[in-house]
């Protein structure tokens, strides 16, 4: 098992609600540095992207119509955890964080279901969410790998004539020392 190096955490976000207005701010002794660290955590240098993705994470982190700093910081840490290299990876990371949060919510509902209908509903949602997370993880892997696929074509031909059989294997591509 390979060990990952320790990473600097993303800057903490604070949430303040005054009436109908909710403000999200970066909590750091050096605000300009905090902004740079936040951009690095999200794999971007575009402030408009940072504002947009934080708003989207905020929507996904709401509980009971209220934005909680703890949930928002947790989701930001999840996005940072995949170490996004660009905005696309950051968007996928945000989706993965949202799906993970929804998965945990459904797991809780399944554990506390009172009726068979509630249990079936939560189990079905949980299954779909875990499948979706797997697809997202695979999409991230393919994106990072350049989505290159290798196809190896093998053809076996058996020719029987008279007393002997000739068996040949032909592999397309690759190098090798074949002098056919």
C-alpha atoms as a PDB file:
ATOM      1  CA  UNK A   1       0.000   0.000   0.000  1.00  0.00           C
ATOM      2  CA  UNK A   2       1.414   3.358  -0.975  1.00  0.00           C
ATOM      3  CA  UNK A   3       1.277   6.217   1.452  1.00  0.00           C
ATOM      4  CA  UNK A   4       0.102   9.640   0.411  1.00  0.00           C
ATOM      5  CA  UNK A   5       2.020  12.660   1.537  1.00  0.00           C
ATOM      6  CA  UNK A   6       0.433  14.982   4.033  1.00  0.00           C
ATOM      7  CA  UNK A   7      -1.330  17.857   2.313  1.00  0.00           C
ATOM      8  CA  UNK A   8      -2.028  21.346   3.527  1.00  0.00           C
ATOM      9  CA  UNK A   9      -5.745  21.650   4.290  1.00  0.00           C
ATOM     10  CA  UNK A  10      -7.955  23.964   2.282  1.00  0.00           C
ATOM     11  CA  UNK A  11      -8.675  27.300   3.958  1.00  0.00           C
ATOM     12  CA  UNK A  12     -11.661  27.145   6.314  1.00  0.00           C
ATOM     13  CA  UNK A  13     -14.868  28.767   5.219  1.00  0.00           C
ATOM     14  CA  UNK A  14     -17.174  30.591   7.600  1.00  0.00           C
ATOM     15  CA  UNK A  15     -20.901  30.979   7.097  1.00  0.00           C
ATOM     16  CA  UNK A  16     -22.889  33.929   8.433  1.00  0.00           C
ATOM     17  CA  UNK A  17     -26.616  34.322   7.899  1.00  0.00           C
ATOM     18  CA  UNK A  18     -28.280  37.694   8.408  1.00  0.00           C
ATOM     19  CA  UNK A  19     -31.952  37.536   7.592  1.00  0.00           C
ATOM     20  CA  UNK A  20     -32.320  36.080   4.110  1.00  0.00           C
ATOM     21  CA  UNK A  21     -28.668  36.702   3.188  1.00  0.00           C
ATOM     22  CA  UNK A  22     -26.011  34.047   3.735  1.00  0.00           C
ATOM     23  CA  UNK A  23     -22.360  35.055   3.426  1.00  0.00           C
ATOM     24  CA  UNK A  24     -19.478  32.646   2.937  1.00  0.00           C
ATOM     25  CA  UNK A  25     -16.005  33.966   3.760  1.00  0.00           C
ATOM     26  CA  UNK A  26     -12.530  32.516   3.923  1.00  0.00           C
ATOM     27  CA  UNK A  27     -11.164  32.365   7.461  1.00  0.00           C
ATOM     28  CA  UNK A  28      -7.419  32.941   7.300  1.00  0.00           C
ATOM     29  CA  UNK A  29      -4.993  35.450   8.858  1.00  0.00           C
ATOM     30  CA  UNK A  30      -3.788  36.444   5.372  1.00  0.00           C
ATOM     31  CA  UNK A  31      -6.827  36.863   3.072  1.00  0.00           C
ATOM     32  CA  UNK A  32      -4.838  37.180  -0.200  1.00  0.00           C
ATOM     33  CA  UNK A  33      -2.934  33.973   0.611  1.00  0.00           C
ATOM     34  CA  UNK A  34      -6.191  32.284   1.585  1.00  0.00           C
ATOM     35  CA  UNK A  35      -7.645  33.102  -1.820  1.00  0.00           C
ATOM     36  CA  UNK A  36      -4.608  31.604  -3.561  1.00  0.00           C
ATOM     37  CA  UNK A  37      -4.855  28.467  -1.388  1.00  0.00           C
ATOM     38  CA  UNK A  38      -8.565  28.185  -2.139  1.00  0.00           C
ATOM     39  CA  UNK A  39      -7.921  28.468  -5.873  1.00  0.00           C
ATOM     40  CA  UNK A  40      -5.185  25.837  -5.628  1.00  0.00           C
ATOM     41  CA  UNK A  41      -7.538  23.529  -3.712  1.00  0.00           C
ATOM     42  CA  UNK A  42     -10.032  23.847  -6.556  1.00  0.00           C
ATOM     43  CA  UNK A  43      -7.509  23.528  -9.397  1.00  0.00           C
ATOM     44  CA  UNK A  44      -8.173  26.957 -10.905  1.00  0.00           C
ATOM     45  CA  UNK A  45      -6.946  30.522 -11.192  1.00  0.00           C
ATOM     46  CA  UNK A  46     -10.378  31.874 -12.143  1.00  0.00           C
ATOM     47  CA  UNK A  47     -12.196  33.766  -9.372  1.00  0.00           C
ATOM     48  CA  UNK A  48     -15.550  33.442 -11.147  1.00  0.00           C
ATOM     49  CA  UNK A  49     -15.123  29.658 -11.132  1.00  0.00           C
ATOM     50  CA  UNK A  50     -14.284  29.692  -7.404  1.00  0.00           C
ATOM     51  CA  UNK A  51     -17.389  31.763  -6.649  1.00  0.00           C
ATOM     52  CA  UNK A  52     -19.588  29.480  -8.737  1.00  0.00           C
ATOM     53  CA  UNK A  53     -18.291  26.171  -7.408  1.00  0.00           C
ATOM     54  CA  UNK A  54     -18.537  27.402  -3.806  1.00  0.00           C
ATOM     55  CA  UNK A  55     -22.155  28.432  -4.421  1.00  0.00           C
ATOM     56  CA  UNK A  56     -22.861  24.984  -5.862  1.00  0.00           C
ATOM     57  CA  UNK A  57     -21.138  23.238  -2.957  1.00  0.00           C
ATOM     58  CA  UNK A  58     -23.136  25.485  -0.638  1.00  0.00           C
ATOM     59  CA  UNK A  59     -26.391  24.354  -2.246  1.00  0.00           C
ATOM     60  CA  UNK A  60     -25.359  20.720  -1.841  1.00  0.00           C
ATOM     61  CA  UNK A  61     -24.250  21.289   1.779  1.00  0.00           C
ATOM     62  CA  UNK A  62     -27.580  22.734   2.938  1.00  0.00           C
ATOM     63  CA  UNK A  63     -29.492  20.904   5.647  1.00  0.00           C
ATOM     64  CA  UNK A  64     -33.057  21.902   6.346  1.00  0.00           C
ATOM     65  CA  UNK A  65     -32.723  25.042   4.232  1.00  0.00           C
ATOM     66  CA  UNK A  66     -29.713  26.231   6.242  1.00  0.00           C
ATOM     67  CA  UNK A  67     -26.101  26.274   5.086  1.00  0.00           C
ATOM     68  CA  UNK A  68     -23.769  24.766   7.658  1.00  0.00           C
ATOM     69  CA  UNK A  69     -20.075  25.676   7.638  1.00  0.00           C
ATOM     70  CA  UNK A  70     -19.121  22.190   8.835  1.00  0.00           C
ATOM     71  CA  UNK A  71     -20.836  20.505   5.870  1.00  0.00           C
ATOM     72  CA  UNK A  72     -19.455  23.066   3.395  1.00  0.00           C
ATOM     73  CA  UNK A  73     -15.886  22.684   4.711  1.00  0.00           C
ATOM     74  CA  UNK A  74     -16.238  18.907   4.591  1.00  0.00           C
ATOM     75  CA  UNK A  75     -17.315  19.002   0.952  1.00  0.00           C
ATOM     76  CA  UNK A  76     -14.511  21.442   0.092  1.00  0.00           C
ATOM     77  CA  UNK A  77     -12.032  19.043   1.731  1.00  0.00           C
ATOM     78  CA  UNK A  78     -13.435  16.194  -0.385  1.00  0.00           C
ATOM     79  CA  UNK A  79     -12.910  18.184  -3.581  1.00  0.00           C
ATOM     80  CA  UNK A  80      -9.404  19.151  -2.482  1.00  0.00           C
ATOM     81  CA  UNK A  81      -8.750  15.500  -1.631  1.00  0.00           C
ATOM     82  CA  UNK A  82      -8.908  14.442  -5.264  1.00  0.00           C
ATOM     83  CA  UNK A  83      -6.268  17.108  -5.999  1.00  0.00           C
ATOM     84  CA  UNK A  84      -8.017  18.627  -9.026  1.00  0.00           C
ATOM     85  CA  UNK A  85      -5.631  19.729 -11.758  1.00  0.00           C
ATOM     86  CA  UNK A  86      -8.202  21.874 -13.581  1.00  0.00           C
ATOM     87  CA  UNK A  87     -11.772  23.122 -13.446  1.00  0.00           C
ATOM     88  CA  UNK A  88     -13.224  19.945 -14.964  1.00  0.00           C
ATOM     89  CA  UNK A  89     -11.651  17.778 -12.268  1.00  0.00           C
ATOM     90  CA  UNK A  90     -12.893  20.244  -9.659  1.00  0.00           C
ATOM     91  CA  UNK A  91     -16.446  20.065 -11.023  1.00  0.00           C
ATOM     92  CA  UNK A  92     -16.298  16.278 -10.989  1.00  0.00           C
ATOM     93  CA  UNK A  93     -14.918  16.420  -7.447  1.00  0.00           C
ATOM     94  CA  UNK A  94     -17.813  18.657  -6.387  1.00  0.00           C
ATOM     95  CA  UNK A  95     -20.276  16.203  -7.914  1.00  0.00           C
ATOM     96  CA  UNK A  96     -18.534  13.341  -6.138  1.00  0.00           C
ATOM     97  CA  UNK A  97     -18.712  15.219  -2.831  1.00  0.00           C
ATOM     98  CA  UNK A  98     -22.431  15.891  -3.347  1.00  0.00           C
ATOM     99  CA  UNK A  99     -23.119  12.259  -4.256  1.00  0.00           C
ATOM    100  CA  UNK A 100     -21.109  11.094  -1.251  1.00  0.00           C
ATOM    101  CA  UNK A 101     -23.089  13.368   1.082  1.00  0.00           C
ATOM    102  CA  UNK A 102     -26.376  12.134  -0.397  1.00  0.00           C
ATOM    103  CA  UNK A 103     -25.163   8.536  -0.079  1.00  0.00           C
ATOM    104  CA  UNK A 104     -24.472   8.999   3.621  1.00  0.00           C
ATOM    105  CA  UNK A 105     -27.886  10.635   4.081  1.00  0.00           C
ATOM    106  CA  UNK A 106     -29.563   7.645   2.417  1.00  0.00           C
ATOM    107  CA  UNK A 107     -27.508   5.216   4.515  1.00  0.00           C
ATOM    108  CA  UNK A 108     -28.795   6.984   7.623  1.00  0.00           C
ATOM    109  CA  UNK A 109     -32.374   6.826   6.355  1.00  0.00           C
ATOM    110  CA  UNK A 110     -31.990   3.129   5.602  1.00  0.00           C
ATOM    111  CA  UNK A 111     -30.710   2.491   9.123  1.00  0.00           C
ATOM    112  CA  UNK A 112     -33.655   4.363  10.635  1.00  0.00           C
ATOM    113  CA  UNK A 113     -36.437   3.168   8.314  1.00  0.00           C
ATOM    114  CA  UNK A 114     -39.655   2.319  10.154  1.00  0.00           C
ATOM    115  CA  UNK A 115     -41.544   0.680   7.311  1.00  0.00           C
ATOM    116  CA  UNK A 116     -40.695  -1.700   4.501  1.00  0.00           C
ATOM    117  CA  UNK A 117     -41.584   1.014   1.962  1.00  0.00           C
ATOM    118  CA  UNK A 118     -39.128   3.447   3.591  1.00  0.00           C
ATOM    119  CA  UNK A 119     -36.477   0.729   3.662  1.00  0.00           C
ATOM    120  CA  UNK A 120     -37.008  -0.156  -0.014  1.00  0.00           C
ATOM    121  CA  UNK A 121     -36.936   3.494  -1.060  1.00  0.00           C
ATOM    122  CA  UNK A 122     -33.745   4.266   0.864  1.00  0.00           C
ATOM    123  CA  UNK A 123     -32.055   1.050  -0.323  1.00  0.00           C
ATOM    124  CA  UNK A 124     -32.880   1.813  -3.969  1.00  0.00           C
ATOM    125  CA  UNK A 125     -31.569   5.378  -3.668  1.00  0.00           C
ATOM    126  CA  UNK A 126     -28.458   4.169  -1.843  1.00  0.00           C
ATOM    127  CA  UNK A 127     -27.760   1.626  -4.583  1.00  0.00           C
ATOM    128  CA  UNK A 128     -28.112   4.242  -7.335  1.00  0.00           C
ATOM    129  CA  UNK A 129     -25.914   6.723  -5.498  1.00  0.00           C
ATOM    130  CA  UNK A 130     -23.112   4.231  -4.844  1.00  0.00           C
ATOM    131  CA  UNK A 131     -23.231   3.149  -8.475  1.00  0.00           C
ATOM    132  CA  UNK A 132     -23.078   6.800  -9.558  1.00  0.00           C
ATOM    133  CA  UNK A 133     -20.063   7.416  -7.324  1.00  0.00           C
ATOM    134  CA  UNK A 134     -18.282   4.467  -8.932  1.00  0.00           C
ATOM    135  CA  UNK A 135     -19.023   5.862 -12.389  1.00  0.00           C
ATOM    136  CA  UNK A 136     -17.701   9.266 -11.328  1.00  0.00           C
ATOM    137  CA  UNK A 137     -14.519   7.706  -9.998  1.00  0.00           C
ATOM    138  CA  UNK A 138     -14.065   5.840 -13.279  1.00  0.00           C
ATOM    139  CA  UNK A 139     -14.691   9.042 -15.257  1.00  0.00           C
ATOM    140  CA  UNK A 140     -11.997  10.806 -13.233  1.00  0.00           C
ATOM    141  CA  UNK A 141      -9.581   7.929 -13.822  1.00  0.00           C
ATOM    142  CA  UNK A 142     -10.261   7.962 -17.574  1.00  0.00           C
ATOM    143  CA  UNK A 143      -9.941  11.757 -17.764  1.00  0.00           C
ATOM    144  CA  UNK A 144      -6.617  11.712 -15.950  1.00  0.00           C
ATOM    145  CA  UNK A 145      -5.350   8.836 -18.051  1.00  0.00           C
ATOM    146  CA  UNK A 146      -6.138  10.615 -21.293  1.00  0.00           C
ATOM    147  CA  UNK A 147      -9.001   8.178 -21.928  1.00  0.00           C
ATOM    148  CA  UNK A 148      -6.718   6.056 -24.063  1.00  0.00           C
ATOM    149  CA  UNK A 149      -7.962   2.575 -24.665  1.00  0.00           C
ATOM    150  CA  UNK A 150      -5.779  -0.241 -25.873  1.00  0.00           C
ATOM    151  CA  UNK A 151      -7.379  -2.915 -27.966  1.00  0.00           C
ATOM    152  CA  UNK A 152      -5.450  -6.113 -28.490  1.00  0.00           C
ATOM    153  CA  UNK A 153      -6.735  -8.142 -31.420  1.00  0.00           C
ATOM    154  CA  UNK A 154      -5.798 -11.785 -31.458  1.00  0.00           C
ATOM    155  CA  UNK A 155      -6.723 -14.205 -34.187  1.00  0.00           C
ATOM    156  CA  UNK A 156      -6.181 -17.914 -33.956  1.00  0.00           C
ATOM    157  CA  UNK A 157      -6.315 -19.966 -37.101  1.00  0.00           C
ATOM    158  CA  UNK A 158      -6.163 -23.728 -37.148  1.00  0.00           C
ATOM    159  CA  UNK A 159      -5.605 -25.378 -40.496  1.00  0.00           C
ATOM    160  CA  UNK A 160      -5.829 -29.141 -40.578  1.00  0.00           C
ATOM    161  CA  UNK A 161      -4.755 -30.873 -43.749  1.00  0.00           C
ATOM    162  CA  UNK A 162      -3.551 -34.400 -44.077  1.00  0.00           C
ATOM    163  CA  UNK A 163      -1.409 -35.588 -41.207  1.00  0.00           C
ATOM    164  CA  UNK A 164      -0.530 -32.273 -39.577  1.00  0.00           C
ATOM    165  CA  UNK A 165      -2.100 -29.207 -38.053  1.00  0.00           C
ATOM    166  CA  UNK A 166      -0.782 -25.673 -38.364  1.00  0.00           C
ATOM    167  CA  UNK A 167      -1.651 -23.332 -35.518  1.00  0.00           C
ATOM    168  CA  UNK A 168      -0.896 -19.628 -35.700  1.00  0.00           C
ATOM    169  CA  UNK A 169      -1.508 -16.636 -33.465  1.00  0.00           C
ATOM    170  CA  UNK A 170      -1.570 -13.181 -34.961  1.00  0.00           C
ATOM    171  CA  UNK A 171      -1.474 -10.119 -32.679  1.00  0.00           C
ATOM    172  CA  UNK A 172      -2.180  -6.708 -34.218  1.00  0.00           C
ATOM    173  CA  UNK A 173      -0.116  -3.782 -33.027  1.00  0.00           C
ATOM    174  CA  UNK A 174       2.879  -3.904 -30.738  1.00  0.00           C
ATOM    175  CA  UNK A 175       6.451  -4.286 -31.840  1.00  0.00           C
ATOM    176  CA  UNK A 176       8.094  -7.619 -31.428  1.00  0.00           C
ATOM    177  CA  UNK A 177      10.521  -9.561 -33.567  1.00  0.00           C
ATOM    178  CA  UNK A 178       7.918 -11.197 -35.828  1.00  0.00           C
ATOM    179  CA  UNK A 179       9.284 -11.439 -39.386  1.00  0.00           C
ATOM    180  CA  UNK A 180       6.219 -12.660 -41.273  1.00  0.00           C
END
